[in-house]
Amino acid sequence: MIRARAADEVRDALALLYCRRENGSAELRVAVPRGGVARARMPDRETKSRFVSAVLEAQPSDPGEELELFGESTANLDARDRRRLRRRVGVLTPGLRLISNLNGWENISLAAAYHGSPPLERVEALARDTLRDLGADPRALLARLPDELGSLERKLVAFTRLLASDPDLAVLDAVDEGLRAGEVSLSRRFEAQYRSRRPDGSLLHVDAERDPA
């Protein structure tokens, strides 16, 4: 009983716990403490993609995977509870692209406009402050379509969209990948921005080993 209670306390202290098992043994384990920052390096891009997808959907796709979010197992959840957990998670990943026919502002504000919360005035202030803090021109980025933005600018808009959703857990997937030499690490800048707005939030940086040539 004491051991079981201790295990429950450990789970409750985590924003995310992920295990991938093979032949009954834990092959991969990722844990993110509530209110903390963690880093995970996956053995390859395919494993990373599968992990990010499981977190984004709050639903592992492989029978050997186990995922807990905020102390709650995602196994056997009904659709309503799965949506509830998904709303608490924000993921910035190359696979989650900006909508091509919406400009920067429309991409950032779409969820708030649809749900009616938070107020668009608050989202606009957050967008302008965040982009300005990251060294960008808010007016230019917010007015342009994704195809009119560079790779770095698209990442800035996508990250601002994540911040606007105010997630309890933010997952940053390989955000420094593709940066030119001399460009400041986005992962450090994004972490600082998220922590300044959500000091009680949890953050995970995830990347993968380079695939062999």
C-alpha atoms as a PDB file:
ATOM      1  CA  MET A   1       0.000   0.000   0.000  1.00  0.00           C
ATOM      2  CA  ILE A   2       2.811   2.419   0.912  1.00  0.00           C
ATOM      3  CA  ARG A   3       4.646   1.598  -2.302  1.00  0.00           C
ATOM      4  CA  ALA A   4       1.486   2.123  -4.356  1.00  0.00           C
ATOM      5  CA  ARG A   5       0.823   5.443  -2.627  1.00  0.00           C
ATOM      6  CA  ALA A   6       4.393   6.578  -3.315  1.00  0.00           C
ATOM      7  CA  ALA A   7       3.991   5.683  -6.992  1.00  0.00           C
ATOM      8  CA  ASP A   8       0.781   7.724  -7.148  1.00  0.00           C
ATOM      9  CA  GLU A   9       2.543  10.705  -5.585  1.00  0.00           C
ATOM     10  CA  VAL A  10       5.299  10.499  -8.185  1.00  0.00           C
ATOM     11  CA  ARG A  11       2.724  10.465 -11.001  1.00  0.00           C
ATOM     12  CA  ASP A  12       0.865  13.419  -9.517  1.00  0.00           C
ATOM     13  CA  ALA A  13       4.130  15.405  -9.468  1.00  0.00           C
ATOM     14  CA  LEU A  14       4.541  14.941 -13.224  1.00  0.00           C
ATOM     15  CA  ALA A  15       2.955  16.871 -16.058  1.00  0.00           C
ATOM     16  CA  LEU A  16       3.914  14.106 -18.475  1.00  0.00           C
ATOM     17  CA  LEU A  17       5.061  10.512 -18.174  1.00  0.00           C
ATOM     18  CA  TYR A  18       5.668   8.499 -21.338  1.00  0.00           C
ATOM     19  CA  CYS A  19       6.994   4.972 -21.654  1.00  0.00           C
ATOM     20  CA  ARG A  20       7.464   2.826 -24.705  1.00  0.00           C
ATOM     21  CA  ARG A  21       7.816  -0.826 -23.866  1.00  0.00           C
ATOM     22  CA  GLU A  22       9.139  -3.747 -25.857  1.00  0.00           C
ATOM     23  CA  ASN A  23       9.013  -7.313 -24.581  1.00  0.00           C
ATOM     24  CA  GLY A  24       7.817  -6.086 -21.202  1.00  0.00           C
ATOM     25  CA  SER A  25      10.748  -3.746 -20.467  1.00  0.00           C
ATOM     26  CA  ALA A  26      10.816   0.047 -20.667  1.00  0.00           C
ATOM     27  CA  GLU A  27      12.696   0.978 -23.853  1.00  0.00           C
ATOM     28  CA  LEU A  28      12.087   4.733 -23.656  1.00  0.00           C
ATOM     29  CA  ARG A  29      10.943   6.909 -20.759  1.00  0.00           C
ATOM     30  CA  VAL A  30      10.209  10.659 -20.716  1.00  0.00           C
ATOM     31  CA  ALA A  31       9.142  12.487 -17.570  1.00  0.00           C
ATOM     32  CA  VAL A  32       8.337  16.195 -17.201  1.00  0.00           C
ATOM     33  CA  PRO A  33       7.863  17.572 -13.667  1.00  0.00           C
ATOM     34  CA  ARG A  34       4.973  19.916 -13.020  1.00  0.00           C
ATOM     35  CA  GLY A  35       6.257  23.469 -13.144  1.00  0.00           C
ATOM     36  CA  GLY A  36       9.616  22.296 -14.474  1.00  0.00           C
ATOM     37  CA  VAL A  37      11.657  22.075 -17.668  1.00  0.00           C
ATOM     38  CA  ALA A  38      12.871  18.808 -19.197  1.00  0.00           C
ATOM     39  CA  ARG A  39      14.738  17.697 -22.307  1.00  0.00           C
ATOM     40  CA  ALA A  40      14.355  14.476 -24.244  1.00  0.00           C
ATOM     41  CA  ARG A  41      16.479  13.216 -27.123  1.00  0.00           C
ATOM     42  CA  MET A  42      14.873  10.499 -29.183  1.00  0.00           C
ATOM     43  CA  PRO A  43      16.959   7.831 -30.941  1.00  0.00           C
ATOM     44  CA  ASP A  44      15.591   8.773 -34.375  1.00  0.00           C
ATOM     45  CA  ARG A  45      13.073  11.027 -36.121  1.00  0.00           C
ATOM     46  CA  GLU A  46      10.440   8.322 -36.438  1.00  0.00           C
ATOM     47  CA  THR A  47      10.422   7.725 -32.683  1.00  0.00           C
ATOM     48  CA  LYS A  48      10.244  11.467 -32.060  1.00  0.00           C
ATOM     49  CA  SER A  49       7.359  11.876 -34.473  1.00  0.00           C
ATOM     50  CA  ARG A  50       5.446   9.047 -32.800  1.00  0.00           C
ATOM     51  CA  PHE A  51       6.042  10.542 -29.351  1.00  0.00           C
ATOM     52  CA  VAL A  52       4.979  14.061 -30.378  1.00  0.00           C
ATOM     53  CA  SER A  53       1.864  12.705 -32.069  1.00  0.00           C
ATOM     54  CA  ALA A  54       0.910  10.755 -28.935  1.00  0.00           C
ATOM     55  CA  VAL A  55       1.232  13.881 -26.783  1.00  0.00           C
ATOM     56  CA  LEU A  56      -0.577  16.103 -29.293  1.00  0.00           C
ATOM     57  CA  GLU A  57      -3.516  13.707 -29.521  1.00  0.00           C
ATOM     58  CA  ALA A  58      -3.334  12.574 -25.870  1.00  0.00           C
ATOM     59  CA  GLN A  59      -3.526   9.100 -27.325  1.00  0.00           C
ATOM     60  CA  PRO A  60      -0.636   6.694 -27.987  1.00  0.00           C
ATOM     61  CA  SER A  61      -0.986   4.821 -31.266  1.00  0.00           C
ATOM     62  CA  ASP A  62       1.207   1.824 -30.391  1.00  0.00           C
ATOM     63  CA  PRO A  63       0.169  -0.906 -27.919  1.00  0.00           C
ATOM     64  CA  GLY A  64       3.648  -0.695 -26.386  1.00  0.00           C
ATOM     65  CA  GLU A  65       3.239   2.985 -25.497  1.00  0.00           C
ATOM     66  CA  GLU A  66       1.919   4.399 -22.226  1.00  0.00           C
ATOM     67  CA  LEU A  67       1.165   8.085 -21.683  1.00  0.00           C
ATOM     68  CA  GLU A  68       0.045   9.933 -18.567  1.00  0.00           C
ATOM     69  CA  LEU A  69      -0.759  13.646 -18.603  1.00  0.00           C
ATOM     70  CA  PHE A  70      -1.036  15.539 -15.315  1.00  0.00           C
ATOM     71  CA  GLY A  71      -1.183  12.265 -13.381  1.00  0.00           C
ATOM     72  CA  GLU A  72      -3.972  10.833 -15.542  1.00  0.00           C
ATOM     73  CA  SER A  73      -3.581   7.835 -17.833  1.00  0.00           C
ATOM     74  CA  THR A  74      -4.661   8.475 -21.414  1.00  0.00           C
ATOM     75  CA  ALA A  75      -5.632   4.839 -21.919  1.00  0.00           C
ATOM     76  CA  ASN A  76      -9.341   4.187 -22.412  1.00  0.00           C
ATOM     77  CA  LEU A  77     -10.393   7.836 -22.179  1.00  0.00           C
ATOM     78  CA  ASP A  78     -13.653   8.879 -23.745  1.00  0.00           C
ATOM     79  CA  ALA A  79     -13.623  11.633 -26.375  1.00  0.00           C
ATOM     80  CA  ARG A  80     -14.646  14.359 -23.914  1.00  0.00           C
ATOM     81  CA  ASP A  81     -11.854  13.607 -21.439  1.00  0.00           C
ATOM     82  CA  ARG A  82      -9.306  13.319 -24.222  1.00  0.00           C
ATOM     83  CA  ARG A  83     -10.274  16.782 -25.507  1.00  0.00           C
ATOM     84  CA  ARG A  84      -9.992  18.119 -21.956  1.00  0.00           C
ATOM     85  CA  LEU A  85      -6.394  16.920 -21.696  1.00  0.00           C
ATOM     86  CA  ARG A  86      -5.510  18.085 -25.198  1.00  0.00           C
ATOM     87  CA  ARG A  87      -6.610  21.623 -24.345  1.00  0.00           C
ATOM     88  CA  ARG A  88      -3.996  21.704 -21.583  1.00  0.00           C
ATOM     89  CA  VAL A  89      -1.127  20.883 -23.956  1.00  0.00           C
ATOM     90  CA  GLY A  90       0.525  23.085 -26.573  1.00  0.00           C
ATOM     91  CA  VAL A  91       2.886  21.571 -29.144  1.00  0.00           C
ATOM     92  CA  LEU A  92       5.207  23.418 -31.495  1.00  0.00           C
ATOM     93  CA  THR A  93       6.281  20.938 -34.158  1.00  0.00           C
ATOM     94  CA  PRO A  94       7.128  21.122 -37.872  1.00  0.00           C
ATOM     95  CA  GLY A  95       4.207  18.805 -38.569  1.00  0.00           C
ATOM     96  CA  LEU A  96       1.705  21.320 -37.196  1.00  0.00           C
ATOM     97  CA  ARG A  97       1.855  23.976 -39.882  1.00  0.00           C
ATOM     98  CA  LEU A  98       0.325  27.415 -40.118  1.00  0.00           C
ATOM     99  CA  ILE A  99      -2.862  27.610 -42.179  1.00  0.00           C
ATOM    100  CA  SER A 100      -1.700  28.798 -45.588  1.00  0.00           C
ATOM    101  CA  ASN A 101      -4.623  31.107 -46.465  1.00  0.00           C
ATOM    102  CA  LEU A 102      -4.640  32.914 -43.101  1.00  0.00           C
ATOM    103  CA  ASN A 103      -2.227  35.682 -42.218  1.00  0.00           C
ATOM    104  CA  GLY A 104      -0.109  35.659 -39.067  1.00  0.00           C
ATOM    105  CA  TRP A 105      -2.725  37.337 -36.887  1.00  0.00           C
ATOM    106  CA  GLU A 106      -5.512  35.058 -38.095  1.00  0.00           C
ATOM    107  CA  ASN A 107      -3.403  31.977 -37.403  1.00  0.00           C
ATOM    108  CA  ILE A 108      -2.616  33.178 -33.885  1.00  0.00           C
ATOM    109  CA  SER A 109      -6.146  34.269 -33.013  1.00  0.00           C
ATOM    110  CA  LEU A 110      -8.164  31.520 -34.732  1.00  0.00           C
ATOM    111  CA  ALA A 111      -8.682  29.335 -31.652  1.00  0.00           C
ATOM    112  CA  ALA A 112      -9.631  32.301 -29.445  1.00  0.00           C
ATOM    113  CA  ALA A 113     -12.067  33.573 -32.071  1.00  0.00           C
ATOM    114  CA  TYR A 114     -13.660  30.123 -32.347  1.00  0.00           C
ATOM    115  CA  HIS A 115     -13.944  29.435 -28.610  1.00  0.00           C
ATOM    116  CA  GLY A 116     -14.645  33.021 -27.573  1.00  0.00           C
ATOM    117  CA  SER A 117     -11.809  32.946 -25.035  1.00  0.00           C
ATOM    118  CA  PRO A 118      -9.447  34.529 -24.236  1.00  0.00           C
ATOM    119  CA  PRO A 119     -10.587  37.969 -25.453  1.00  0.00           C
ATOM    120  CA  LEU A 120      -9.074  38.907 -28.784  1.00  0.00           C
ATOM    121  CA  GLU A 121      -7.760  42.152 -27.297  1.00  0.00           C
ATOM    122  CA  ARG A 122      -5.665  40.103 -24.868  1.00  0.00           C
ATOM    123  CA  VAL A 123      -4.435  37.822 -27.645  1.00  0.00           C
ATOM    124  CA  GLU A 124      -3.450  40.816 -29.764  1.00  0.00           C
ATOM    125  CA  ALA A 125      -1.492  42.385 -26.904  1.00  0.00           C
ATOM    126  CA  LEU A 126       0.259  39.067 -26.223  1.00  0.00           C
ATOM    127  CA  ALA A 127       1.109  38.629 -29.921  1.00  0.00           C
ATOM    128  CA  ARG A 128       2.572  42.099 -30.297  1.00  0.00           C
ATOM    129  CA  ASP A 129       4.553  41.909 -27.048  1.00  0.00           C
ATOM    130  CA  THR A 130       5.885  38.430 -27.776  1.00  0.00           C
ATOM    131  CA  LEU A 131       6.962  39.146 -31.341  1.00  0.00           C
ATOM    132  CA  ARG A 132       8.553  42.412 -30.286  1.00  0.00           C
ATOM    133  CA  ASP A 133      10.424  40.675 -27.448  1.00  0.00           C
ATOM    134  CA  LEU A 134      11.687  38.108 -29.945  1.00  0.00           C
ATOM    135  CA  GLY A 135      13.099  40.860 -32.141  1.00  0.00           C
ATOM    136  CA  ALA A 136      10.449  40.811 -34.863  1.00  0.00           C
ATOM    137  CA  ASP A 137       8.245  43.528 -36.355  1.00  0.00           C
ATOM    138  CA  PRO A 138       4.715  42.585 -35.182  1.00  0.00           C
ATOM    139  CA  ARG A 139       2.953  44.654 -37.826  1.00  0.00           C
ATOM    140  CA  ALA A 140       4.818  42.957 -40.672  1.00  0.00           C
ATOM    141  CA  LEU A 141       4.510  39.385 -39.393  1.00  0.00           C
ATOM    142  CA  LEU A 142       0.876  39.615 -38.374  1.00  0.00           C
ATOM    143  CA  ALA A 143      -0.180  40.934 -41.799  1.00  0.00           C
ATOM    144  CA  ARG A 144       1.628  38.366 -43.951  1.00  0.00           C
ATOM    145  CA  LEU A 145       0.580  34.930 -45.173  1.00  0.00           C
ATOM    146  CA  PRO A 146       2.801  31.989 -44.203  1.00  0.00           C
ATOM    147  CA  ASP A 147       4.225  31.730 -47.740  1.00  0.00           C
ATOM    148  CA  GLU A 148       5.411  35.327 -47.399  1.00  0.00           C
ATOM    149  CA  LEU A 149       7.372  34.533 -44.242  1.00  0.00           C
ATOM    150  CA  GLY A 150      10.816  33.026 -43.841  1.00  0.00           C
ATOM    151  CA  SER A 151      11.401  29.825 -41.895  1.00  0.00           C
ATOM    152  CA  LEU A 152      12.400  31.705 -38.735  1.00  0.00           C
ATOM    153  CA  GLU A 153       9.424  34.063 -39.010  1.00  0.00           C
ATOM    154  CA  ARG A 154       6.999  31.142 -39.363  1.00  0.00           C
ATOM    155  CA  LYS A 155       8.413  29.627 -36.176  1.00  0.00           C
ATOM    156  CA  LEU A 156       7.899  32.927 -34.341  1.00  0.00           C
ATOM    157  CA  VAL A 157       4.257  33.069 -35.428  1.00  0.00           C
ATOM    158  CA  ALA A 158       3.670  29.403 -34.578  1.00  0.00           C
ATOM    159  CA  PHE A 159       5.197  29.853 -31.134  1.00  0.00           C
ATOM    160  CA  THR A 160       3.054  32.925 -30.498  1.00  0.00           C
ATOM    161  CA  ARG A 161       0.012  30.864 -31.483  1.00  0.00           C
ATOM    162  CA  LEU A 162       1.055  28.300 -28.870  1.00  0.00           C
ATOM    163  CA  LEU A 163       1.408  30.993 -26.196  1.00  0.00           C
ATOM    164  CA  ALA A 164      -2.049  32.334 -27.008  1.00  0.00           C
ATOM    165  CA  SER A 165      -3.521  28.942 -26.054  1.00  0.00           C
ATOM    166  CA  ASP A 166      -1.961  29.310 -22.552  1.00  0.00           C
ATOM    167  CA  PRO A 167      -1.005  25.622 -22.216  1.00  0.00           C
ATOM    168  CA  ASP A 168      -0.171  23.996 -18.885  1.00  0.00           C
ATOM    169  CA  LEU A 169       2.407  21.923 -20.774  1.00  0.00           C
ATOM    170  CA  ALA A 170       4.368  23.228 -23.766  1.00  0.00           C
ATOM    171  CA  VAL A 171       6.292  20.824 -26.007  1.00  0.00           C
ATOM    172  CA  LEU A 172       8.915  22.378 -28.276  1.00  0.00           C
ATOM    173  CA  ASP A 173       9.911  19.989 -31.052  1.00  0.00           C
ATOM    174  CA  ALA A 174      13.359  20.635 -32.569  1.00  0.00           C
ATOM    175  CA  VAL A 175      12.790  24.390 -32.791  1.00  0.00           C
ATOM    176  CA  ASP A 176      16.483  25.132 -33.404  1.00  0.00           C
ATOM    177  CA  GLU A 177      16.597  22.824 -36.424  1.00  0.00           C
ATOM    178  CA  GLY A 178      17.304  24.656 -39.666  1.00  0.00           C
ATOM    179  CA  LEU A 179      18.617  27.870 -38.090  1.00  0.00           C
ATOM    180  CA  ARG A 180      21.428  29.605 -39.920  1.00  0.00           C
ATOM    181  CA  ALA A 181      24.845  29.971 -38.334  1.00  0.00           C
ATOM    182  CA  GLY A 182      24.871  32.943 -35.985  1.00  0.00           C
ATOM    183  CA  GLU A 183      21.131  32.870 -35.241  1.00  0.00           C
ATOM    184  CA  VAL A 184      20.424  32.824 -31.512  1.00  0.00           C
ATOM    185  CA  SER A 185      18.955  29.617 -30.136  1.00  0.00           C
ATOM    186  CA  LEU A 186      15.179  29.759 -30.419  1.00  0.00           C
ATOM    187  CA  SER A 187      14.722  27.084 -27.780  1.00  0.00           C
ATOM    188  CA  ARG A 188      16.273  29.296 -25.089  1.00  0.00           C
ATOM    189  CA  ARG A 189      14.296  32.349 -26.204  1.00  0.00           C
ATOM    190  CA  PHE A 190      11.018  30.445 -26.417  1.00  0.00           C
ATOM    191  CA  GLU A 191      11.613  28.890 -23.021  1.00  0.00           C
ATOM    192  CA  ALA A 192      12.191  32.332 -21.481  1.00  0.00           C
ATOM    193  CA  GLN A 193       9.013  33.690 -23.075  1.00  0.00           C
ATOM    194  CA  TYR A 194       6.895  30.757 -21.912  1.00  0.00           C
ATOM    195  CA  ARG A 195       8.307  30.806 -18.376  1.00  0.00           C
ATOM    196  CA  SER A 196       7.758  34.550 -18.061  1.00  0.00           C
ATOM    197  CA  ARG A 197       4.059  34.084 -18.820  1.00  0.00           C
ATOM    198  CA  ARG A 198       3.517  30.704 -17.194  1.00  0.00           C
ATOM    199  CA  PRO A 199       6.004  30.334 -14.314  1.00  0.00           C
ATOM    200  CA  ASP A 200       3.869  27.464 -13.019  1.00  0.00           C
ATOM    201  CA  GLY A 201       3.750  25.760 -16.426  1.00  0.00           C
ATOM    202  CA  SER A 202       5.758  22.755 -17.617  1.00  0.00           C
ATOM    203  CA  LEU A 203       8.035  22.713 -20.650  1.00  0.00           C
ATOM    204  CA  LEU A 204       9.611  19.918 -22.672  1.00  0.00           C
ATOM    205  CA  HIS A 205      12.295  20.327 -25.331  1.00  0.00           C
ATOM    206  CA  VAL A 206      12.444  17.318 -27.628  1.00  0.00           C
ATOM    207  CA  ASP A 207      14.751  16.494 -30.516  1.00  0.00           C
ATOM    208  CA  ALA A 208      16.245  13.435 -32.188  1.00  0.00           C
ATOM    209  CA  GLU A 209      19.613  11.993 -33.000  1.00  0.00           C
ATOM    210  CA  ARG A 210      20.600  12.705 -36.563  1.00  0.00           C
ATOM    211  CA  ASP A 211      19.626   9.914 -38.926  1.00  0.00           C
ATOM    212  CA  PRO A 212      22.631   8.190 -40.458  1.00  0.00           C
ATOM    213  CA  ALA A 213      23.573   9.431 -43.924  1.00  0.00           C
END
